[in-house]
Full PDB file with SEQRES, HELIX, SHEET, SSBOND, CRYST1, ORIGX, SCALE, CONECT and MASTER records, all heavy atoms in Angstrom:
SEQRES   1 A   34  PHE MET THR LEU MET ALA ILE GLY ARG THR PRO ASP GLU          
SEQRES   2 A   34  PHE ALA ALA ALA VAL GLN TRP PHE GLY ILE ILE ASN TRP          
SEQRES   3 A   34  ASN THR MET TYR ARG ASP GLN ASP                              
HELIX    1 AA1 MET A    2  ARG A    9  1                                   8    
HELIX    2 AA2 TRP A   26  ASP A   32  1                                   7    
CRYST1    1.000    1.000    1.000  90.00  90.00  90.00 P 1           1          
ORIGX1      1.000000  0.000000  0.000000        0.00000                         
ORIGX2      0.000000  1.000000  0.000000        0.00000                         
ORIGX3      0.000000  0.000000  1.000000        0.00000                         
SCALE1      1.000000  0.000000  0.000000        0.00000                         
SCALE2      0.000000  1.000000  0.000000        0.00000                         
SCALE3      0.000000  0.000000  1.000000        0.00000                         
ATOM      1  N   PHE A   1       0.847  -1.278   0.050  1.00  0.00           N  
ATOM      2  CA  PHE A   1       0.040  -0.007  -0.017  1.00  0.00           C  
ATOM      3  C   PHE A   1       0.938   1.215   0.021  1.00  0.00           C  
ATOM      4  O   PHE A   1       0.646   2.182  -0.712  1.00  0.00           O  
ATOM      5  CB  PHE A   1      -0.921  -0.038   1.239  1.00  0.00           C  
ATOM      6  CG  PHE A   1      -1.475   1.289   1.604  1.00  0.00           C  
ATOM      7  CD1 PHE A   1      -2.507   1.754   0.949  1.00  0.00           C  
ATOM      8  CD2 PHE A   1      -0.786   2.035   2.591  1.00  0.00           C  
ATOM      9  CE1 PHE A   1      -2.963   3.175   1.387  1.00  0.00           C  
ATOM     10  CE2 PHE A   1      -1.354   3.379   3.007  1.00  0.00           C  
ATOM     11  CZ  PHE A   1      -2.459   3.821   2.451  1.00  0.00           C  
ATOM     12  N   MET A   2       1.826   1.255   0.826  1.00  0.00           N  
ATOM     13  CA  MET A   2       2.716   2.399   0.918  1.00  0.00           C  
ATOM     14  C   MET A   2       3.488   2.595  -0.280  1.00  0.00           C  
ATOM     15  O   MET A   2       3.722   3.732  -0.844  1.00  0.00           O  
ATOM     16  CB  MET A   2       3.751   2.286   2.109  1.00  0.00           C  
ATOM     17  CG  MET A   2       3.057   2.412   3.461  1.00  0.00           C  
ATOM     18  SD  MET A   2       2.697   4.084   3.876  1.00  0.00           S  
ATOM     19  CE  MET A   2       4.275   4.740   4.400  1.00  0.00           C  
ATOM     20  N   THR A   3       3.870   1.598  -1.001  1.00  0.00           N  
ATOM     21  CA  THR A   3       4.485   1.735  -2.321  1.00  0.00           C  
ATOM     22  C   THR A   3       3.638   2.349  -3.334  1.00  0.00           C  
ATOM     23  O   THR A   3       4.009   3.163  -4.020  1.00  0.00           O  
ATOM     24  CB  THR A   3       4.968   0.295  -2.854  1.00  0.00           C  
ATOM     25  OG1 THR A   3       5.870  -0.248  -1.759  1.00  0.00           O  
ATOM     26  CG2 THR A   3       5.608   0.273  -4.134  1.00  0.00           C  
ATOM     27  N   LEU A   4       2.340   1.807  -3.328  1.00  0.00           N  
ATOM     28  CA  LEU A   4       1.513   2.458  -4.355  1.00  0.00           C  
ATOM     29  C   LEU A   4       1.146   3.921  -3.964  1.00  0.00           C  
ATOM     30  O   LEU A   4       0.976   4.753  -4.913  1.00  0.00           O  
ATOM     31  CB  LEU A   4       0.055   1.676  -4.277  1.00  0.00           C  
ATOM     32  CG  LEU A   4       0.217   0.269  -4.892  1.00  0.00           C  
ATOM     33  CD1 LEU A   4      -1.136  -0.559  -4.544  1.00  0.00           C  
ATOM     34  CD2 LEU A   4       0.629   0.277  -6.259  1.00  0.00           C  
ATOM     35  N   MET A   5       1.044   4.279  -2.819  1.00  0.00           N  
ATOM     36  CA  MET A   5       0.718   5.697  -2.302  1.00  0.00           C  
ATOM     37  C   MET A   5       1.987   6.519  -2.744  1.00  0.00           C  
ATOM     38  O   MET A   5       1.772   7.639  -3.275  1.00  0.00           O  
ATOM     39  CB  MET A   5       0.587   5.720  -0.767  1.00  0.00           C  
ATOM     40  CG  MET A   5      -0.835   5.592  -0.356  1.00  0.00           C  
ATOM     41  SD  MET A   5      -1.822   6.910  -0.952  1.00  0.00           S  
ATOM     42  CE  MET A   5      -2.990   7.259   0.328  1.00  0.00           C  
ATOM     43  N   ALA A   6       3.241   5.964  -2.581  1.00  0.00           N  
ATOM     44  CA  ALA A   6       4.360   6.668  -2.769  1.00  0.00           C  
ATOM     45  C   ALA A   6       4.476   7.135  -4.293  1.00  0.00           C  
ATOM     46  O   ALA A   6       4.718   8.220  -4.719  1.00  0.00           O  
ATOM     47  CB  ALA A   6       5.594   5.874  -2.374  1.00  0.00           C  
ATOM     48  N   ILE A   7       4.251   6.073  -5.252  1.00  0.00           N  
ATOM     49  CA  ILE A   7       4.273   6.386  -6.669  1.00  0.00           C  
ATOM     50  C   ILE A   7       3.215   7.269  -7.176  1.00  0.00           C  
ATOM     51  O   ILE A   7       3.265   7.889  -8.188  1.00  0.00           O  
ATOM     52  CB  ILE A   7       4.482   5.185  -7.415  1.00  0.00           C  
ATOM     53  CG1 ILE A   7       3.241   4.221  -7.393  1.00  0.00           C  
ATOM     54  CG2 ILE A   7       5.764   4.400  -6.967  1.00  0.00           C  
ATOM     55  CD1 ILE A   7       3.284   3.093  -8.480  1.00  0.00           C  
ATOM     56  N   GLY A   8       2.089   7.285  -6.369  1.00  0.00           N  
ATOM     57  CA  GLY A   8       0.948   8.131  -6.688  1.00  0.00           C  
ATOM     58  C   GLY A   8       1.013   9.527  -6.115  1.00  0.00           C  
ATOM     59  O   GLY A   8       0.824  10.546  -6.908  1.00  0.00           O  
ATOM     60  N   ARG A   9       1.280   9.614  -4.925  1.00  0.00           N  
ATOM     61  CA  ARG A   9       1.233  10.956  -4.280  1.00  0.00           C  
ATOM     62  C   ARG A   9       2.642  11.651  -4.446  1.00  0.00           C  
ATOM     63  O   ARG A   9       2.572  12.911  -4.401  1.00  0.00           O  
ATOM     64  CB  ARG A   9       0.948  10.877  -2.730  1.00  0.00           C  
ATOM     65  CG  ARG A   9      -0.467  10.324  -2.508  1.00  0.00           C  
ATOM     66  CD  ARG A   9      -0.933  10.565  -0.957  1.00  0.00           C  
ATOM     67  NE  ARG A   9      -1.275  11.930  -0.748  1.00  0.00           N  
ATOM     68  CZ  ARG A   9      -1.821  12.353   0.430  1.00  0.00           C  
ATOM     69  NH1 ARG A   9      -1.979  11.527   1.430  1.00  0.00           N  
ATOM     70  NH2 ARG A   9      -2.126  13.628   0.636  1.00  0.00           N  
ATOM     71  N   THR A  10       3.640  10.918  -4.518  1.00  0.00           N  
ATOM     72  CA  THR A  10       4.956  11.612  -4.796  1.00  0.00           C  
ATOM     73  C   THR A  10       5.574  10.945  -5.939  1.00  0.00           C  
ATOM     74  O   THR A  10       6.674  10.251  -5.848  1.00  0.00           O  
ATOM     75  CB  THR A  10       5.896  11.420  -3.519  1.00  0.00           C  
ATOM     76  OG1 THR A  10       6.112  10.093  -3.181  1.00  0.00           O  
ATOM     77  CG2 THR A  10       5.226  12.041  -2.280  1.00  0.00           C  
ATOM     78  N   PRO A  11       5.133  11.213  -7.169  1.00  0.00           N  
ATOM     79  CA  PRO A  11       5.692  10.473  -8.308  1.00  0.00           C  
ATOM     80  C   PRO A  11       6.931  10.772  -8.770  1.00  0.00           C  
ATOM     81  O   PRO A  11       7.584   9.965  -9.538  1.00  0.00           O  
ATOM     82  CB  PRO A  11       4.550  10.966  -9.444  1.00  0.00           C  
ATOM     83  CG  PRO A  11       4.068  12.212  -8.921  1.00  0.00           C  
ATOM     84  CD  PRO A  11       4.072  12.172  -7.470  1.00  0.00           C  
ATOM     85  N   ASP A  12       7.573  11.803  -8.373  1.00  0.00           N  
ATOM     86  CA  ASP A  12       9.021  12.189  -8.644  1.00  0.00           C  
ATOM     87  C   ASP A  12       9.983  11.653  -7.672  1.00  0.00           C  
ATOM     88  O   ASP A  12      11.185  11.795  -7.966  1.00  0.00           O  
ATOM     89  CB  ASP A  12       9.107  13.694  -8.820  1.00  0.00           C  
ATOM     90  CG  ASP A  12       8.260  14.246  -9.968  1.00  0.00           C  
ATOM     91  OD1 ASP A  12       8.300  13.599 -11.032  1.00  0.00           O  
ATOM     92  OD2 ASP A  12       7.604  15.208  -9.818  1.00  0.00           O  
ATOM     93  N   GLU A  13       9.598  10.913  -6.585  1.00  0.00           N  
ATOM     94  CA  GLU A  13      10.542  10.460  -5.650  1.00  0.00           C  
ATOM     95  C   GLU A  13      11.242   9.168  -5.829  1.00  0.00           C  
ATOM     96  O   GLU A  13      12.325   8.948  -5.577  1.00  0.00           O  
ATOM     97  CB  GLU A  13       9.879  10.528  -4.284  1.00  0.00           C  
ATOM     98  CG  GLU A  13       9.401  11.771  -3.684  1.00  0.00           C  
ATOM     99  CD  GLU A  13      10.625  12.674  -3.142  1.00  0.00           C  
ATOM    100  OE1 GLU A  13      11.663  12.219  -3.110  1.00  0.00           O  
ATOM    101  OE2 GLU A  13      10.324  13.861  -2.872  1.00  0.00           O  
ATOM    102  N   PHE A  14      10.427   8.276  -6.532  1.00  0.00           N  
ATOM    103  CA  PHE A  14      11.009   6.911  -6.767  1.00  0.00           C  
ATOM    104  C   PHE A  14      10.871   6.469  -8.246  1.00  0.00           C  
ATOM    105  O   PHE A  14       9.913   6.682  -8.857  1.00  0.00           O  
ATOM    106  CB  PHE A  14      10.107   5.886  -5.955  1.00  0.00           C  
ATOM    107  CG  PHE A  14      10.068   6.236  -4.452  1.00  0.00           C  
ATOM    108  CD1 PHE A  14       9.097   6.963  -3.844  1.00  0.00           C  
ATOM    109  CD2 PHE A  14      11.201   5.832  -3.660  1.00  0.00           C  
ATOM    110  CE1 PHE A  14       9.065   7.393  -2.574  1.00  0.00           C  
ATOM    111  CE2 PHE A  14      11.209   6.129  -2.379  1.00  0.00           C  
ATOM    112  CZ  PHE A  14      10.252   6.873  -1.683  1.00  0.00           C  
ATOM    113  N   ALA A  15      11.985   5.895  -8.616  1.00  0.00           N  
ATOM    114  CA  ALA A  15      12.282   5.604 -10.078  1.00  0.00           C  
ATOM    115  C   ALA A  15      11.707   4.351 -10.475  1.00  0.00           C  
ATOM    116  O   ALA A  15      11.553   4.074 -11.726  1.00  0.00           O  
ATOM    117  CB  ALA A  15      13.748   5.809 -10.341  1.00  0.00           C  
ATOM    118  N   ALA A  16      11.507   3.469  -9.489  1.00  0.00           N  
ATOM    119  CA  ALA A  16      10.964   2.104  -9.811  1.00  0.00           C  
ATOM    120  C   ALA A  16      10.273   1.546  -8.531  1.00  0.00           C  
ATOM    121  O   ALA A  16      10.664   1.980  -7.418  1.00  0.00           O  
ATOM    122  CB  ALA A  16      12.077   1.093 -10.297  1.00  0.00           C  
ATOM    123  N   ALA A  17       9.304   0.577  -8.757  1.00  0.00           N  
ATOM    124  CA  ALA A  17       8.617   0.118  -7.616  1.00  0.00           C  
ATOM    125  C   ALA A  17       8.232  -1.300  -7.819  1.00  0.00           C  
ATOM    126  O   ALA A  17       7.899  -1.743  -8.929  1.00  0.00           O  
ATOM    127  CB  ALA A  17       7.279   1.041  -7.350  1.00  0.00           C  
ATOM    128  N   VAL A  18       8.155  -2.040  -6.650  1.00  0.00           N  
ATOM    129  CA  VAL A  18       7.646  -3.390  -6.626  1.00  0.00           C  
ATOM    130  C   VAL A  18       6.709  -3.435  -5.416  1.00  0.00           C  
ATOM    131  O   VAL A  18       7.107  -3.066  -4.344  1.00  0.00           O  
ATOM    132  CB  VAL A  18       8.773  -4.486  -6.491  1.00  0.00           C  
ATOM    133  CG1 VAL A  18       8.171  -5.824  -6.462  1.00  0.00           C  
ATOM    134  CG2 VAL A  18       9.787  -4.397  -7.630  1.00  0.00           C  
ATOM    135  N   GLN A  19       5.532  -3.930  -5.619  1.00  0.00           N  
ATOM    136  CA  GLN A  19       4.643  -4.120  -4.538  1.00  0.00           C  
ATOM    137  C   GLN A  19       4.064  -5.548  -4.625  1.00  0.00           C  
ATOM    138  O   GLN A  19       3.642  -6.071  -5.638  1.00  0.00           O  
ATOM    139  CB  GLN A  19       3.513  -3.011  -4.557  1.00  0.00           C  
ATOM    140  CG  GLN A  19       2.425  -3.208  -5.563  1.00  0.00           C  
ATOM    141  CD  GLN A  19       1.239  -3.891  -5.086  1.00  0.00           C  
ATOM    142  OE1 GLN A  19       1.032  -4.203  -3.901  1.00  0.00           O  
ATOM    143  NE2 GLN A  19       0.338  -4.203  -6.072  1.00  0.00           N  
ATOM    144  N   TRP A  20       4.108  -6.167  -3.385  1.00  0.00           N  
ATOM    145  CA  TRP A  20       3.472  -7.567  -3.197  1.00  0.00           C  
ATOM    146  C   TRP A  20       2.164  -7.347  -2.455  1.00  0.00           C  
ATOM    147  O   TRP A  20       2.139  -6.826  -1.270  1.00  0.00           O  
ATOM    148  CB  TRP A  20       4.435  -8.427  -2.470  1.00  0.00           C  
ATOM    149  CG  TRP A  20       5.676  -8.801  -3.191  1.00  0.00           C  
ATOM    150  CD1 TRP A  20       6.132  -8.338  -4.523  1.00  0.00           C  
ATOM    151  CD2 TRP A  20       6.714  -9.618  -2.753  1.00  0.00           C  
ATOM    152  NE1 TRP A  20       7.320  -8.950  -4.802  1.00  0.00           N  
ATOM    153  CE2 TRP A  20       7.617  -9.751  -3.762  1.00  0.00           C  
ATOM    154  CE3 TRP A  20       6.855 -10.401  -1.570  1.00  0.00           C  
ATOM    155  CZ2 TRP A  20       8.859 -10.508  -3.551  1.00  0.00           C  
ATOM    156  CZ3 TRP A  20       7.909 -11.200  -1.366  1.00  0.00           C  
ATOM    157  CH2 TRP A  20       8.939 -11.306  -2.340  1.00  0.00           C  
ATOM    158  N   PHE A  21       1.110  -7.776  -2.963  1.00  0.00           N  
ATOM    159  CA  PHE A  21      -0.218  -7.881  -2.225  1.00  0.00           C  
ATOM    160  C   PHE A  21      -0.579  -6.667  -1.559  1.00  0.00           C  
ATOM    161  O   PHE A  21      -0.866  -6.674  -0.209  1.00  0.00           O  
ATOM    162  CB  PHE A  21      -0.452  -9.196  -1.432  1.00  0.00           C  
ATOM    163  CG  PHE A  21       0.744  -9.600  -0.683  1.00  0.00           C  
ATOM    164  CD1 PHE A  21       1.000  -9.117   0.469  1.00  0.00           C  
ATOM    165  CD2 PHE A  21       1.646 -10.610  -1.191  1.00  0.00           C  
ATOM    166  CE1 PHE A  21       2.208  -9.662   1.358  1.00  0.00           C  
ATOM    167  CE2 PHE A  21       2.766 -10.869  -0.450  1.00  0.00           C  
ATOM    168  CZ  PHE A  21       3.054 -10.496   0.721  1.00  0.00           C  
ATOM    169  N   GLY A  22      -0.428  -5.485  -2.091  1.00  0.00           N  
ATOM    170  CA  GLY A  22      -0.745  -4.252  -1.491  1.00  0.00           C  
ATOM    171  C   GLY A  22      -2.224  -3.694  -1.851  1.00  0.00           C  
ATOM    172  O   GLY A  22      -2.829  -4.193  -2.619  1.00  0.00           O  
ATOM    173  N   ILE A  23      -2.637  -2.650  -1.077  1.00  0.00           N  
ATOM    174  CA  ILE A  23      -3.965  -2.232  -1.242  1.00  0.00           C  
ATOM    175  C   ILE A  23      -4.073  -0.990  -2.111  1.00  0.00           C  
ATOM    176  O   ILE A  23      -3.295  -0.028  -1.918  1.00  0.00           O  
ATOM    177  CB  ILE A  23      -4.468  -1.837   0.173  1.00  0.00           C  
ATOM    178  CG1 ILE A  23      -4.496  -3.001   1.123  1.00  0.00           C  
ATOM    179  CG2 ILE A  23      -5.988  -1.305   0.117  1.00  0.00           C  
ATOM    180  CD1 ILE A  23      -3.351  -2.922   2.153  1.00  0.00           C  
ATOM    181  N   ILE A  24      -5.003  -0.895  -3.025  1.00  0.00           N  
ATOM    182  CA  ILE A  24      -5.119   0.242  -3.888  1.00  0.00           C  
ATOM    183  C   ILE A  24      -6.472   0.946  -3.486  1.00  0.00           C  
ATOM    184  O   ILE A  24      -6.516   2.160  -3.658  1.00  0.00           O  
ATOM    185  CB  ILE A  24      -5.274  -0.100  -5.356  1.00  0.00           C  
ATOM    186  CG1 ILE A  24      -5.433   1.153  -6.321  1.00  0.00           C  
ATOM    187  CG2 ILE A  24      -6.262  -1.226  -5.678  1.00  0.00           C  
ATOM    188  CD1 ILE A  24      -5.425   0.707  -7.823  1.00  0.00           C  
ATOM    189  N   ASN A  25      -7.452   0.215  -2.949  1.00  0.00           N  
ATOM    190  CA  ASN A  25      -8.777   0.777  -2.811  1.00  0.00           C  
ATOM    191  C   ASN A  25      -9.375   0.168  -1.496  1.00  0.00           C  
ATOM    192  O   ASN A  25      -9.770  -0.948  -1.436  1.00  0.00           O  
ATOM    193  CB  ASN A  25      -9.637   0.430  -4.024  1.00  0.00           C  
ATOM    194  CG  ASN A  25     -11.047   0.936  -4.054  1.00  0.00           C  
ATOM    195  OD1 ASN A  25     -11.535   1.532  -2.986  1.00  0.00           O  
ATOM    196  ND2 ASN A  25     -11.644   0.981  -5.293  1.00  0.00           N  
ATOM    197  N   TRP A  26      -9.515   1.111  -0.483  1.00  0.00           N  
ATOM    198  CA  TRP A  26      -9.926   0.673   0.745  1.00  0.00           C  
ATOM    199  C   TRP A  26     -11.473   0.346   0.671  1.00  0.00           C  
ATOM    200  O   TRP A  26     -12.014  -0.414   1.544  1.00  0.00           O  
ATOM    201  CB  TRP A  26      -9.717   1.741   1.809  1.00  0.00           C  
ATOM    202  CG  TRP A  26      -8.286   1.836   2.202  1.00  0.00           C  
ATOM    203  CD1 TRP A  26      -7.442   2.928   1.999  1.00  0.00           C  
ATOM    204  CD2 TRP A  26      -7.430   0.842   3.079  1.00  0.00           C  
ATOM    205  NE1 TRP A  26      -6.218   2.614   2.583  1.00  0.00           N  
ATOM    206  CE2 TRP A  26      -6.189   1.421   3.096  1.00  0.00           C  
ATOM    207  CE3 TRP A  26      -7.855  -0.351   3.636  1.00  0.00           C  
ATOM    208  CZ2 TRP A  26      -5.307   0.692   3.830  1.00  0.00           C  
ATOM    209  CZ3 TRP A  26      -6.822  -1.055   4.254  1.00  0.00           C  
ATOM    210  CH2 TRP A  26      -5.442  -0.453   4.425  1.00  0.00           C  
ATOM    211  N   ASN A  27     -12.301   0.904  -0.262  1.00  0.00           N  
ATOM    212  CA  ASN A  27     -13.635   0.545  -0.360  1.00  0.00           C  
ATOM    213  C   ASN A  27     -13.756  -0.913  -0.837  1.00  0.00           C  
ATOM    214  O   ASN A  27     -14.598  -1.601  -0.327  1.00  0.00           O  
ATOM    215  CB  ASN A  27     -14.321   1.506  -1.401  1.00  0.00           C  
ATOM    216  CG  ASN A  27     -14.524   2.880  -0.695  1.00  0.00           C  
ATOM    217  OD1 ASN A  27     -15.339   3.135   0.086  1.00  0.00           O  
ATOM    218  ND2 ASN A  27     -13.641   3.856  -1.183  1.00  0.00           N  
ATOM    219  N   THR A  28     -13.150  -1.259  -1.922  1.00  0.00           N  
ATOM    220  CA  THR A  28     -13.272  -2.656  -2.335  1.00  0.00           C  
ATOM    221  C   THR A  28     -12.562  -3.544  -1.331  1.00  0.00           C  
ATOM    222  O   THR A  28     -13.001  -4.769  -1.306  1.00  0.00           O  
ATOM    223  CB  THR A  28     -12.628  -2.781  -3.734  1.00  0.00           C  
ATOM    224  OG1 THR A  28     -11.363  -2.318  -3.886  1.00  0.00           O  
ATOM    225  CG2 THR A  28     -13.523  -2.153  -4.727  1.00  0.00           C  
ATOM    226  N   MET A  29     -11.549  -3.121  -0.639  1.00  0.00           N  
ATOM    227  CA  MET A  29     -10.889  -4.003   0.456  1.00  0.00           C  
ATOM    228  C   MET A  29     -11.973  -4.332   1.525  1.00  0.00           C  
ATOM    229  O   MET A  29     -12.125  -5.464   1.740  1.00  0.00           O  
ATOM    230  CB  MET A  29      -9.821  -3.291   1.056  1.00  0.00           C  
ATOM    231  CG  MET A  29      -8.480  -3.571   0.461  1.00  0.00           C  
ATOM    232  SD  MET A  29      -7.749  -5.189   0.990  1.00  0.00           S  
ATOM    233  CE  MET A  29      -7.237  -4.870   2.670  1.00  0.00           C  
ATOM    234  N   TYR A  30     -12.723  -3.358   1.856  1.00  0.00           N  
ATOM    235  CA  TYR A  30     -13.738  -3.587   2.924  1.00  0.00           C  
ATOM    236  C   TYR A  30     -14.863  -4.487   2.438  1.00  0.00           C  
ATOM    237  O   TYR A  30     -15.356  -5.291   3.212  1.00  0.00           O  
ATOM    238  CB  TYR A  30     -14.294  -2.168   3.386  1.00  0.00           C  
ATOM    239  CG  TYR A  30     -15.190  -2.188   4.597  1.00  0.00           C  
ATOM    240  CD1 TYR A  30     -14.471  -2.270   5.755  1.00  0.00           C  
ATOM    241  CD2 TYR A  30     -16.559  -2.326   4.560  1.00  0.00           C  
ATOM    242  CE1 TYR A  30     -15.255  -2.290   6.978  1.00  0.00           C  
ATOM    243  CE2 TYR A  30     -17.243  -2.408   5.719  1.00  0.00           C  
ATOM    244  CZ  TYR A  30     -16.589  -2.395   7.033  1.00  0.00           C  
ATOM    245  OH  TYR A  30     -17.276  -2.530   8.135  1.00  0.00           O  
ATOM    246  N   ARG A  31     -15.108  -4.337   1.162  1.00  0.00           N  
ATOM    247  CA  ARG A  31     -16.266  -5.295   0.624  1.00  0.00           C  
ATOM    248  C   ARG A  31     -15.754  -6.688   0.552  1.00  0.00           C  
ATOM    249  O   ARG A  31     -16.570  -7.679   0.819  1.00  0.00           O  
ATOM    250  CB  ARG A  31     -16.537  -4.738  -0.829  1.00  0.00           C  
ATOM    251  CG  ARG A  31     -17.714  -5.516  -1.496  1.00  0.00           C  
ATOM    252  CD  ARG A  31     -17.684  -5.008  -2.991  1.00  0.00           C  
ATOM    253  NE  ARG A  31     -16.419  -5.596  -3.820  1.00  0.00           N  
ATOM    254  CZ  ARG A  31     -16.136  -5.086  -4.869  1.00  0.00           C  
ATOM    255  NH1 ARG A  31     -16.858  -4.110  -5.390  1.00  0.00           N  
ATOM    256  NH2 ARG A  31     -15.063  -5.527  -5.605  1.00  0.00           N  
ATOM    257  N   ASP A  32     -14.534  -6.895   0.196  1.00  0.00           N  
ATOM    258  CA  ASP A  32     -14.050  -8.260  -0.190  1.00  0.00           C  
ATOM    259  C   ASP A  32     -13.164  -9.082   0.823  1.00  0.00           C  
ATOM    260  O   ASP A  32     -13.134 -10.205   0.631  1.00  0.00           O  
ATOM    261  CB  ASP A  32     -13.153  -8.170  -1.575  1.00  0.00           C  
ATOM    262  CG  ASP A  32     -13.974  -7.579  -2.690  1.00  0.00           C  
ATOM    263  OD1 ASP A  32     -15.157  -7.670  -2.678  1.00  0.00           O  
ATOM    264  OD2 ASP A  32     -13.293  -7.095  -3.628  1.00  0.00           O  
ATOM    265  N   GLN A  33     -12.707  -8.407   1.759  1.00  0.00           N  
ATOM    266  CA  GLN A  33     -11.691  -9.096   2.599  1.00  0.00           C  
ATOM    267  C   GLN A  33     -12.398  -9.915   3.622  1.00  0.00           C  
ATOM    268  O   GLN A  33     -13.525  -9.835   3.942  1.00  0.00           O  
ATOM    269  CB  GLN A  33     -10.762  -8.069   3.269  1.00  0.00           C  
ATOM    270  CG  GLN A  33     -11.378  -7.171   4.240  1.00  0.00           C  
ATOM    271  CD  GLN A  33     -10.457  -6.046   4.747  1.00  0.00           C  
ATOM    272  OE1 GLN A  33      -9.249  -6.314   5.006  1.00  0.00           O  
ATOM    273  NE2 GLN A  33     -10.892  -4.862   4.811  1.00  0.00           N  
ATOM    274  N   ASP A  34     -11.566 -10.685   4.437  1.00  0.00           N  
ATOM    275  CA  ASP A  34     -12.038 -11.519   5.540  1.00  0.00           C  
ATOM    276  C   ASP A  34     -12.643 -10.650   6.576  1.00  0.00           C  
ATOM    277  O   ASP A  34     -12.160  -9.444   6.811  1.00  0.00           O  
ATOM    278  CB  ASP A  34     -10.859 -12.412   6.142  1.00  0.00           C  
ATOM    279  CG  ASP A  34     -11.254 -13.238   7.194  1.00  0.00           C  
ATOM    280  OD1 ASP A  34     -11.915 -14.210   6.955  1.00  0.00           O  
ATOM    281  OD2 ASP A  34     -10.998 -12.892   8.351  1.00  0.00           O  
TER     282      ASP A  34                                                      
MASTER        0    0    0    2    0    0    0    6  281    1    0    3          
END                                                                             
């Protein structure tokens, strides 16, 4: 989640990114998760 936030909110800070099983959308998370 932090990786996705970083490349979205601060797009000039990081030149490459890898995210494993991160959250993009808390609304669909709330709908679908355990």
